[in-house]
């Protein structure tokens, strides 16, 4: 489970948001390039971001009454 930074999920022990890492991946950056750009991160942290995004994609939304 990621930590929270300004209301957004971030990598534990850092202020780097999961969305920042995912944006970089979506733009075509490699895991190695992301780790080089964000020295506190490890390849495992980047993997965890992808796993977190995958889990959210599978999450079912409960309908709410108006």
C-alpha atoms as a PDB file:
ATOM      1  CA  UNK A   1       0.000   0.000   0.000  1.00  0.00           C
ATOM      2  CA  UNK A   2       1.521   3.337  -0.980  1.00  0.00           C
ATOM      3  CA  UNK A   3       1.790   6.308   1.338  1.00  0.00           C
ATOM      4  CA  UNK A   4      -0.161   9.514   0.713  1.00  0.00           C
ATOM      5  CA  UNK A   5       1.387  12.820  -0.355  1.00  0.00           C
ATOM      6  CA  UNK A   6      -0.896  15.811  -0.929  1.00  0.00           C
ATOM      7  CA  UNK A   7      -3.826  13.431  -1.327  1.00  0.00           C
ATOM      8  CA  UNK A   8      -2.058  11.288  -3.932  1.00  0.00           C
ATOM      9  CA  UNK A   9      -0.488   7.858  -3.605  1.00  0.00           C
ATOM     10  CA  UNK A  10       3.293   8.049  -3.311  1.00  0.00           C
ATOM     11  CA  UNK A  11       6.193   5.676  -2.841  1.00  0.00           C
ATOM     12  CA  UNK A  12       6.773   5.009   0.845  1.00  0.00           C
ATOM     13  CA  UNK A  13       9.600   7.042   2.328  1.00  0.00           C
ATOM     14  CA  UNK A  14       9.593   9.513  -0.575  1.00  0.00           C
ATOM     15  CA  UNK A  15       7.480  12.345  -1.914  1.00  0.00           C
ATOM     16  CA  UNK A  16       7.441  10.784  -5.385  1.00  0.00           C
ATOM     17  CA  UNK A  17       3.885  10.124  -6.533  1.00  0.00           C
ATOM     18  CA  UNK A  18       2.829   6.870  -8.112  1.00  0.00           C
ATOM     19  CA  UNK A  19       1.251   8.892 -10.919  1.00  0.00           C
ATOM     20  CA  UNK A  20       4.629  10.507 -11.722  1.00  0.00           C
ATOM     21  CA  UNK A  21       6.203   7.090 -12.144  1.00  0.00           C
ATOM     22  CA  UNK A  22       3.271   5.820 -14.224  1.00  0.00           C
ATOM     23  CA  UNK A  23       3.345   8.947 -16.418  1.00  0.00           C
ATOM     24  CA  UNK A  24       7.025   8.319 -17.132  1.00  0.00           C
ATOM     25  CA  UNK A  25       6.307   4.697 -18.041  1.00  0.00           C
ATOM     26  CA  UNK A  26       3.449   5.787 -20.315  1.00  0.00           C
ATOM     27  CA  UNK A  27       5.821   8.199 -22.065  1.00  0.00           C
ATOM     28  CA  UNK A  28       8.114   5.280 -22.859  1.00  0.00           C
ATOM     29  CA  UNK A  29      10.778   5.634 -20.185  1.00  0.00           C
ATOM     30  CA  UNK A  30      12.392   2.390 -19.109  1.00  0.00           C
ATOM     31  CA  UNK A  31      12.455   1.243 -15.516  1.00  0.00           C
ATOM     32  CA  UNK A  32      16.210   1.847 -15.514  1.00  0.00           C
ATOM     33  CA  UNK A  33      15.770   5.430 -16.753  1.00  0.00           C
ATOM     34  CA  UNK A  34      13.132   6.152 -14.113  1.00  0.00           C
ATOM     35  CA  UNK A  35      15.364   4.784 -11.350  1.00  0.00           C
ATOM     36  CA  UNK A  36      18.229   6.939 -12.666  1.00  0.00           C
ATOM     37  CA  UNK A  37      15.961  10.026 -12.697  1.00  0.00           C
ATOM     38  CA  UNK A  38      14.668   9.438  -9.167  1.00  0.00           C
ATOM     39  CA  UNK A  39      17.631   8.240  -7.051  1.00  0.00           C
ATOM     40  CA  UNK A  40      15.514   7.204  -4.026  1.00  0.00           C
ATOM     41  CA  UNK A  41      13.604   4.691  -6.206  1.00  0.00           C
ATOM     42  CA  UNK A  42      14.454   1.085  -6.920  1.00  0.00           C
ATOM     43  CA  UNK A  43      13.266  -1.118  -9.762  1.00  0.00           C
ATOM     44  CA  UNK A  44      11.052  -2.834  -7.181  1.00  0.00           C
ATOM     45  CA  UNK A  45       9.395   0.515  -6.390  1.00  0.00           C
ATOM     46  CA  UNK A  46       8.566   1.007 -10.078  1.00  0.00           C
ATOM     47  CA  UNK A  47       7.183  -2.562 -10.225  1.00  0.00           C
ATOM     48  CA  UNK A  48       5.056  -1.779  -7.158  1.00  0.00           C
ATOM     49  CA  UNK A  49       3.630   1.289  -8.934  1.00  0.00           C
ATOM     50  CA  UNK A  50       2.601  -0.866 -11.879  1.00  0.00           C
ATOM     51  CA  UNK A  51       1.062  -3.460  -9.555  1.00  0.00           C
ATOM     52  CA  UNK A  52      -0.841  -0.721  -7.717  1.00  0.00           C
ATOM     53  CA  UNK A  53      -2.212   0.645 -10.999  1.00  0.00           C
ATOM     54  CA  UNK A  54      -3.231  -2.852 -12.100  1.00  0.00           C
ATOM     55  CA  UNK A  55      -5.039  -3.434  -8.805  1.00  0.00           C
ATOM     56  CA  UNK A  56      -6.931  -0.157  -9.208  1.00  0.00           C
ATOM     57  CA  UNK A  57      -7.934  -1.126 -12.747  1.00  0.00           C
ATOM     58  CA  UNK A  58      -9.561  -4.283 -11.365  1.00  0.00           C
ATOM     59  CA  UNK A  59     -11.313  -2.507  -8.515  1.00  0.00           C
ATOM     60  CA  UNK A  60     -15.078  -2.551  -8.780  1.00  0.00           C
ATOM     61  CA  UNK A  61     -16.950   0.653  -8.107  1.00  0.00           C
ATOM     62  CA  UNK A  62     -20.012   0.459  -5.924  1.00  0.00           C
ATOM     63  CA  UNK A  63     -22.986   2.459  -7.193  1.00  0.00           C
ATOM     64  CA  UNK A  64     -24.048   5.270  -4.895  1.00  0.00           C
ATOM     65  CA  UNK A  65     -27.563   6.543  -4.421  1.00  0.00           C
ATOM     66  CA  UNK A  66     -28.164  10.076  -5.627  1.00  0.00           C
END
